Amino acid sequence: MNVPPKILIVEDQYFVAVDCELHLRAAGMECAGLATTAASALDLAERQRPDLIIMDIRLASRADGVEAAIVIYERLGIRCIFTSAHADESTHREAARARPFAWVNKPYASEQLIAAVHNALEELRCELPEGRVDSPVTSQAVH
């Protein structure tokens, strides 16, 4: 049985988040939840243990997406794809601590985001130890 990869969406613009969820589902992936703040992103990541996170840089909270991604990576080892219209060089340097798979500039086409997700999932599959089966990513072919 193939289990679809779980993707957590962290985005404070509701329509962007819902659109992202629809495109992920159409591509055969499962949405692990929608978060609008750094705190809710951490909570959902701890509870859902997604394979990957799509993380907006600017969030509706005091802490931004970079801070949330770093904490999630350091605590849970879950990596992300950053999305932003506001990513300067210092933000990129700070965000490197979260070991992001990619950066997708806003506004983006859904195909661009899905391609970045597929690439990240493939990279994640290649990083996993041989024979590890506790992640859906290891049990499915990424197209």
N, C-alpha and C. Protein backbone atom coordinates (compact mmCIF):
# COMPACT_ATOMS: atom_id res chain seq x y z
N MET A 1 0.84 -1.18 0.00
CA MET A 1 0.00 0.00 0.00
C MET A 1 0.88 1.24 0.00
N ASN A 2 0.67 2.11 -0.96
CA ASN A 2 1.42 3.36 -1.01
C ASN A 2 0.73 4.41 -0.16
N VAL A 3 1.50 5.01 0.72
CA VAL A 3 1.00 6.07 1.57
C VAL A 3 1.51 7.39 0.99
N PRO A 4 0.63 8.34 0.72
CA PRO A 4 1.11 9.59 0.13
C PRO A 4 1.95 10.38 1.13
N PRO A 5 2.93 11.13 0.63
CA PRO A 5 3.73 11.96 1.54
C PRO A 5 2.85 13.03 2.17
N LYS A 6 3.15 13.33 3.43
CA LYS A 6 2.41 14.36 4.17
C LYS A 6 3.18 15.67 4.12
N ILE A 7 2.49 16.72 3.70
CA ILE A 7 3.09 18.04 3.57
C ILE A 7 2.34 19.01 4.46
N LEU A 8 3.06 19.69 5.34
CA LEU A 8 2.48 20.74 6.17
C LEU A 8 2.62 22.06 5.44
N ILE A 9 1.55 22.83 5.39
CA ILE A 9 1.56 24.14 4.73
C ILE A 9 1.51 25.22 5.81
N VAL A 10 2.52 26.09 5.79
CA VAL A 10 2.58 27.20 6.75
C VAL A 10 2.51 28.48 5.93
N GLU A 11 1.36 29.10 5.97
CA GLU A 11 1.06 30.26 5.12
C GLU A 11 -0.05 31.07 5.78
N ASP A 12 0.17 32.38 5.96
CA ASP A 12 -0.83 33.19 6.65
C ASP A 12 -1.86 33.82 5.70
N GLN A 13 -1.71 33.64 4.40
CA GLN A 13 -2.72 34.11 3.45
C GLN A 13 -3.62 32.93 3.11
N TYR A 14 -4.86 33.00 3.60
CA TYR A 14 -5.78 31.87 3.51
C TYR A 14 -5.93 31.31 2.10
N PHE A 15 -6.19 32.17 1.13
CA PHE A 15 -6.43 31.69 -0.23
C PHE A 15 -5.18 31.07 -0.85
N VAL A 16 -4.02 31.58 -0.51
CA VAL A 16 -2.77 30.98 -0.99
C VAL A 16 -2.61 29.59 -0.38
N ALA A 17 -2.90 29.47 0.91
CA ALA A 17 -2.77 28.18 1.60
C ALA A 17 -3.74 27.14 1.03
N VAL A 18 -4.98 27.52 0.83
CA VAL A 18 -5.99 26.59 0.30
C VAL A 18 -5.64 26.19 -1.13
N ASP A 19 -5.19 27.14 -1.93
CA ASP A 19 -4.78 26.84 -3.30
C ASP A 19 -3.62 25.85 -3.30
N CYS A 20 -2.66 26.08 -2.44
CA CYS A 20 -1.52 25.18 -2.31
C CYS A 20 -2.00 23.78 -1.92
N GLU A 21 -2.89 23.69 -0.95
CA GLU A 21 -3.43 22.40 -0.54
C GLU A 21 -4.11 21.67 -1.69
N LEU A 22 -4.91 22.38 -2.46
CA LEU A 22 -5.61 21.77 -3.59
C LEU A 22 -4.62 21.19 -4.61
N HIS A 23 -3.57 21.93 -4.91
CA HIS A 23 -2.58 21.47 -5.88
C HIS A 23 -1.78 20.28 -5.35
N LEU A 24 -1.47 20.29 -4.06
CA LEU A 24 -0.76 19.15 -3.48
C LEU A 24 -1.62 17.89 -3.53
N ARG A 25 -2.87 18.04 -3.17
CA ARG A 25 -3.79 16.88 -3.22
C ARG A 25 -3.95 16.37 -4.65
N ALA A 26 -4.06 17.28 -5.61
CA ALA A 26 -4.19 16.87 -7.02
C ALA A 26 -2.94 16.13 -7.49
N ALA A 27 -1.80 16.43 -6.87
CA ALA A 27 -0.54 15.76 -7.21
C ALA A 27 -0.34 14.47 -6.41
N GLY A 28 -1.36 14.07 -5.63
CA GLY A 28 -1.30 12.80 -4.91
C GLY A 28 -0.68 12.87 -3.53
N MET A 29 -0.59 14.06 -2.97
CA MET A 29 0.00 14.21 -1.64
C MET A 29 -1.08 14.51 -0.61
N GLU A 30 -0.73 14.31 0.63
CA GLU A 30 -1.65 14.55 1.74
C GLU A 30 -1.23 15.84 2.44
N CYS A 31 -2.21 16.64 2.81
CA CYS A 31 -1.93 17.85 3.57
C CYS A 31 -1.97 17.50 5.06
N ALA A 32 -0.86 17.76 5.76
CA ALA A 32 -0.78 17.47 7.19
C ALA A 32 -1.41 18.57 8.01
N GLY A 33 -1.84 19.64 7.37
CA GLY A 33 -2.49 20.73 8.07
C GLY A 33 -2.08 22.07 7.49
N LEU A 34 -2.82 23.10 7.93
CA LEU A 34 -2.54 24.48 7.53
C LEU A 34 -2.24 25.27 8.79
N ALA A 35 -1.11 25.95 8.82
CA ALA A 35 -0.74 26.78 9.96
C ALA A 35 -0.53 28.21 9.48
N THR A 36 -0.88 29.17 10.35
CA THR A 36 -0.70 30.58 9.98
C THR A 36 0.33 31.28 10.85
N THR A 37 0.77 30.62 11.92
CA THR A 37 1.75 31.22 12.83
C THR A 37 2.88 30.22 13.08
N ALA A 38 3.98 30.74 13.61
CA ALA A 38 5.12 29.88 13.94
C ALA A 38 4.73 28.86 15.01
N ALA A 39 3.98 29.29 16.01
CA ALA A 39 3.57 28.39 17.09
C ALA A 39 2.67 27.27 16.58
N SER A 40 1.71 27.61 15.72
CA SER A 40 0.83 26.57 15.19
C SER A 40 1.59 25.64 14.24
N ALA A 41 2.60 26.16 13.54
CA ALA A 41 3.43 25.31 12.68
C ALA A 41 4.19 24.29 13.51
N LEU A 42 4.78 24.72 14.61
CA LEU A 42 5.51 23.80 15.49
C LEU A 42 4.56 22.76 16.08
N ASP A 43 3.41 23.19 16.53
CA ASP A 43 2.42 22.27 17.11
C ASP A 43 1.99 21.21 16.10
N LEU A 44 1.64 21.64 14.89
CA LEU A 44 1.22 20.69 13.86
C LEU A 44 2.36 19.76 13.46
N ALA A 45 3.56 20.30 13.36
CA ALA A 45 4.72 19.46 12.99
C ALA A 45 4.96 18.39 14.05
N GLU A 46 4.83 18.76 15.32
CA GLU A 46 5.03 17.79 16.40
C GLU A 46 3.94 16.71 16.37
N ARG A 47 2.70 17.10 16.11
CA ARG A 47 1.60 16.14 16.13
C ARG A 47 1.50 15.31 14.86
N GLN A 48 1.73 15.93 13.71
CA GLN A 48 1.52 15.25 12.42
C GLN A 48 2.77 14.60 11.84
N ARG A 49 3.95 15.06 12.24
CA ARG A 49 5.23 14.55 11.71
C ARG A 49 5.21 14.48 10.18
N PRO A 50 5.05 15.63 9.53
CA PRO A 50 5.01 15.61 8.06
C PRO A 50 6.37 15.24 7.48
N ASP A 51 6.36 14.84 6.23
CA ASP A 51 7.60 14.53 5.53
C ASP A 51 8.32 15.81 5.12
N LEU A 52 7.56 16.87 4.90
CA LEU A 52 8.08 18.11 4.35
C LEU A 52 7.16 19.25 4.75
N ILE A 53 7.71 20.45 4.82
CA ILE A 53 6.92 21.64 5.14
C ILE A 53 7.11 22.67 4.04
N ILE A 54 6.01 23.26 3.61
CA ILE A 54 6.07 24.44 2.74
C ILE A 54 5.90 25.62 3.68
N MET A 55 6.95 26.44 3.81
CA MET A 55 7.01 27.47 4.85
C MET A 55 7.13 28.87 4.24
N ASP A 56 6.14 29.69 4.49
CA ASP A 56 6.21 31.10 4.12
C ASP A 56 7.16 31.80 5.10
N ILE A 57 7.87 32.80 4.62
CA ILE A 57 8.80 33.54 5.48
C ILE A 57 8.06 34.48 6.42
N ARG A 58 7.14 35.25 5.89
CA ARG A 58 6.38 36.22 6.69
C ARG A 58 5.10 35.56 7.17
N LEU A 59 4.92 35.53 8.50
CA LEU A 59 3.74 34.88 9.09
C LEU A 59 2.97 35.86 9.96
N ALA A 60 1.75 35.48 10.30
CA ALA A 60 0.89 36.30 11.15
C ALA A 60 1.24 36.06 12.62
N SER A 61 2.51 36.24 12.95
CA SER A 61 2.95 36.05 14.33
C SER A 61 4.25 36.82 14.52
N ARG A 62 4.65 36.95 15.77
CA ARG A 62 5.90 37.65 16.08
C ARG A 62 7.08 36.89 15.48
N ALA A 63 7.08 35.58 15.63
CA ALA A 63 8.14 34.76 15.05
C ALA A 63 7.84 34.56 13.56
N ASP A 64 8.87 34.57 12.74
CA ASP A 64 8.64 34.39 11.31
C ASP A 64 8.88 32.93 10.89
N GLY A 65 8.72 32.68 9.60
CA GLY A 65 8.87 31.32 9.09
C GLY A 65 10.28 30.78 9.22
N VAL A 66 11.28 31.66 9.13
CA VAL A 66 12.66 31.21 9.29
C VAL A 66 12.86 30.68 10.70
N GLU A 67 12.42 31.44 11.69
CA GLU A 67 12.55 30.98 13.08
C GLU A 67 11.81 29.66 13.29
N ALA A 68 10.60 29.57 12.77
CA ALA A 68 9.82 28.34 12.93
C ALA A 68 10.53 27.16 12.26
N ALA A 69 11.04 27.37 11.06
CA ALA A 69 11.72 26.28 10.33
C ALA A 69 12.96 25.81 11.06
N ILE A 70 13.71 26.74 11.64
CA ILE A 70 14.92 26.36 12.38
C ILE A 70 14.56 25.53 13.60
N VAL A 71 13.56 25.97 14.36
CA VAL A 71 13.14 25.22 15.56
C VAL A 71 12.63 23.84 15.17
N ILE A 72 11.81 23.77 14.13
CA ILE A 72 11.26 22.48 13.70
C ILE A 72 12.38 21.56 13.23
N TYR A 73 13.33 22.09 12.49
CA TYR A 73 14.44 21.26 12.02
C TYR A 73 15.29 20.78 13.20
N GLU A 74 15.62 21.69 14.12
CA GLU A 74 16.47 21.30 15.25
C GLU A 74 15.78 20.32 16.18
N ARG A 75 14.48 20.46 16.39
CA ARG A 75 13.76 19.56 17.30
C ARG A 75 13.32 18.26 16.64
N LEU A 76 12.87 18.36 15.38
CA LEU A 76 12.21 17.21 14.75
C LEU A 76 12.95 16.69 13.51
N GLY A 77 13.90 17.44 13.00
CA GLY A 77 14.62 17.02 11.82
C GLY A 77 13.82 17.15 10.53
N ILE A 78 12.73 17.89 10.55
CA ILE A 78 11.88 18.05 9.37
C ILE A 78 12.34 19.30 8.62
N ARG A 79 12.56 19.12 7.32
CA ARG A 79 13.04 20.22 6.49
C ARG A 79 11.90 20.84 5.69
N CYS A 80 12.20 21.95 5.02
CA CYS A 80 11.14 22.70 4.36
C CYS A 80 11.55 23.20 2.99
N ILE A 81 10.56 23.74 2.31
CA ILE A 81 10.72 24.57 1.13
C ILE A 81 10.22 25.93 1.56
N PHE A 82 11.05 26.95 1.45
CA PHE A 82 10.62 28.30 1.80
C PHE A 82 9.92 28.95 0.61
N THR A 83 8.86 29.69 0.90
CA THR A 83 8.20 30.52 -0.11
C THR A 83 8.19 31.95 0.41
N SER A 84 8.49 32.88 -0.48
CA SER A 84 8.50 34.27 -0.04
C SER A 84 8.63 35.22 -1.20
N ALA A 85 8.13 36.40 -0.99
CA ALA A 85 8.35 37.50 -1.92
C ALA A 85 9.39 38.45 -1.33
N HIS A 86 9.87 38.15 -0.12
CA HIS A 86 10.76 39.06 0.62
C HIS A 86 12.01 38.37 1.15
N ALA A 87 12.74 37.69 0.31
CA ALA A 87 13.91 36.96 0.81
C ALA A 87 15.20 37.67 0.39
N ASP A 88 15.80 38.40 1.31
CA ASP A 88 17.08 39.05 1.03
C ASP A 88 18.23 38.13 1.42
N GLU A 89 19.45 38.56 1.16
CA GLU A 89 20.63 37.72 1.41
C GLU A 89 20.78 37.35 2.88
N SER A 90 20.51 38.27 3.80
CA SER A 90 20.67 37.94 5.23
C SER A 90 19.62 36.93 5.67
N THR A 91 18.41 37.00 5.10
CA THR A 91 17.38 36.01 5.40
C THR A 91 17.82 34.63 4.91
N HIS A 92 18.38 34.57 3.71
CA HIS A 92 18.88 33.30 3.17
C HIS A 92 19.97 32.71 4.06
N ARG A 93 20.87 33.56 4.53
CA ARG A 93 21.96 33.08 5.40
C ARG A 93 21.40 32.52 6.70
N GLU A 94 20.49 33.23 7.32
CA GLU A 94 19.90 32.76 8.58
C GLU A 94 19.10 31.48 8.35
N ALA A 95 18.36 31.43 7.26
CA ALA A 95 17.50 30.28 6.98
C ALA A 95 18.29 29.02 6.66
N ALA A 96 19.54 29.16 6.29
CA ALA A 96 20.36 27.99 5.97
C ALA A 96 20.45 27.02 7.14
N ARG A 97 20.29 27.52 8.36
CA ARG A 97 20.31 26.65 9.55
C ARG A 97 19.19 25.60 9.52
N ALA A 98 18.12 25.87 8.79
CA ALA A 98 16.99 24.94 8.69
C ALA A 98 17.19 23.92 7.56
N ARG A 99 18.30 24.02 6.84
CA ARG A 99 18.61 23.14 5.70
C ARG A 99 17.44 23.02 4.73
N PRO A 100 16.95 24.15 4.21
CA PRO A 100 15.81 24.08 3.29
C PRO A 100 16.18 23.34 2.01
N PHE A 101 15.20 22.67 1.45
CA PHE A 101 15.40 21.99 0.17
C PHE A 101 15.45 22.99 -0.97
N ALA A 102 14.64 24.06 -0.87
CA ALA A 102 14.54 25.01 -1.97
C ALA A 102 13.90 26.31 -1.48
N TRP A 103 13.99 27.31 -2.34
CA TRP A 103 13.29 28.58 -2.18
C TRP A 103 12.41 28.76 -3.41
N VAL A 104 11.15 29.07 -3.20
CA VAL A 104 10.23 29.34 -4.30
C VAL A 104 9.73 30.77 -4.10
N ASN A 105 10.03 31.62 -5.09
CA ASN A 105 9.65 33.03 -4.99
C ASN A 105 8.18 33.22 -5.30
N LYS A 106 7.53 34.07 -4.50
CA LYS A 106 6.13 34.43 -4.73
C LYS A 106 6.09 35.63 -5.66
N PRO A 107 5.08 35.74 -6.47
CA PRO A 107 4.05 34.72 -6.72
C PRO A 107 4.65 33.60 -7.56
N TYR A 108 4.15 32.39 -7.33
CA TYR A 108 4.66 31.23 -8.05
C TYR A 108 3.51 30.52 -8.75
N ALA A 109 3.84 29.82 -9.81
CA ALA A 109 2.87 28.96 -10.49
C ALA A 109 2.79 27.65 -9.71
N SER A 110 1.62 27.04 -9.69
CA SER A 110 1.47 25.79 -8.94
C SER A 110 2.43 24.72 -9.45
N GLU A 111 2.69 24.70 -10.75
CA GLU A 111 3.62 23.71 -11.31
C GLU A 111 5.02 23.89 -10.74
N GLN A 112 5.41 25.14 -10.51
CA GLN A 112 6.72 25.43 -9.94
C GLN A 112 6.82 24.88 -8.52
N LEU A 113 5.78 25.09 -7.73
CA LEU A 113 5.78 24.60 -6.36
C LEU A 113 5.77 23.07 -6.32
N ILE A 114 4.92 22.45 -7.13
CA ILE A 114 4.83 20.99 -7.15
C ILE A 114 6.16 20.38 -7.60
N ALA A 115 6.81 20.99 -8.57
CA ALA A 115 8.12 20.49 -9.01
C ALA A 115 9.13 20.58 -7.87
N ALA A 116 9.11 21.68 -7.11
CA ALA A 116 10.02 21.83 -5.97
C ALA A 116 9.73 20.77 -4.91
N VAL A 117 8.46 20.48 -4.68
CA VAL A 117 8.08 19.45 -3.70
C VAL A 117 8.56 18.07 -4.17
N HIS A 118 8.34 17.75 -5.44
CA HIS A 118 8.80 16.46 -5.96
C HIS A 118 10.32 16.34 -5.83
N ASN A 119 11.04 17.40 -6.17
CA ASN A 119 12.50 17.37 -6.05
C ASN A 119 12.93 17.18 -4.60
N ALA A 120 12.26 17.87 -3.68
CA ALA A 120 12.60 17.73 -2.26
C ALA A 120 12.31 16.32 -1.76
N LEU A 121 11.19 15.75 -2.16
CA LEU A 121 10.85 14.40 -1.74
C LEU A 121 11.85 13.38 -2.29
N GLU A 122 12.28 13.59 -3.51
CA GLU A 122 13.29 12.69 -4.10
C GLU A 122 14.61 12.82 -3.35
N GLU A 123 15.00 14.04 -3.04
CA GLU A 123 16.23 14.25 -2.27
C GLU A 123 16.11 13.62 -0.89
N LEU A 124 14.95 13.77 -0.27
CA LEU A 124 14.71 13.16 1.04
C LEU A 124 14.81 11.64 0.96
N ARG A 125 14.23 11.05 -0.07
CA ARG A 125 14.31 9.60 -0.26
C ARG A 125 15.76 9.15 -0.37
N CYS A 126 16.57 9.92 -1.07
CA CYS A 126 17.98 9.57 -1.25
C CYS A 126 18.77 9.71 0.05
N GLU A 127 18.33 10.57 0.95
CA GLU A 127 19.02 10.79 2.22
C GLU A 127 18.70 9.74 3.27
N LEU A 128 17.54 9.09 3.14
CA LEU A 128 17.11 8.13 4.16
C LEU A 128 17.98 6.89 4.14
N PRO A 129 18.25 6.32 5.31
CA PRO A 129 19.03 5.08 5.37
C PRO A 129 18.34 3.97 4.59
N GLU A 130 19.12 3.13 3.96
CA GLU A 130 18.60 2.00 3.19
C GLU A 130 17.71 1.13 4.07
N GLY A 131 16.53 0.79 3.56
CA GLY A 131 15.65 -0.12 4.29
C GLY A 131 14.73 0.56 5.28
N ARG A 132 14.88 1.86 5.51
CA ARG A 132 13.99 2.55 6.45
C ARG A 132 12.62 2.67 5.82
N VAL A 133 11.59 2.23 6.55
CA VAL A 133 10.24 2.22 5.99
C VAL A 133 9.24 2.99 6.83
N ASP A 134 9.70 3.77 7.77
CA ASP A 134 8.76 4.47 8.65
C ASP A 134 8.27 5.78 8.07
N SER A 135 8.67 6.12 6.87
CA SER A 135 8.21 7.34 6.22
C SER A 135 7.54 6.99 4.91
N PRO A 136 6.42 7.62 4.60
CA PRO A 136 5.75 7.36 3.32
C PRO A 136 6.66 7.64 2.14
N VAL A 137 7.60 8.54 2.29
CA VAL A 137 8.46 8.92 1.20
C VAL A 137 9.27 7.72 0.70
N THR A 138 9.61 6.81 1.60
CA THR A 138 10.43 5.65 1.21
C THR A 138 9.61 4.59 0.49
N SER A 139 8.30 4.63 0.60
CA SER A 139 7.50 3.56 0.03
C SER A 139 6.80 3.94 -1.26
N GLN A 140 7.13 5.09 -1.81
CA GLN A 140 6.47 5.47 -3.05
C GLN A 140 7.45 6.03 -4.03
N ALA A 141 7.12 5.88 -5.26
CA ALA A 141 7.94 6.48 -6.32
C ALA A 141 7.52 7.93 -6.46
N VAL A 142 8.48 8.80 -6.53
CA VAL A 142 8.20 10.22 -6.71
C VAL A 142 8.30 10.50 -8.19
N HIS A 143 7.26 11.06 -8.77
CA HIS A 143 7.23 11.33 -10.22
C HIS A 143 7.88 12.64 -10.52
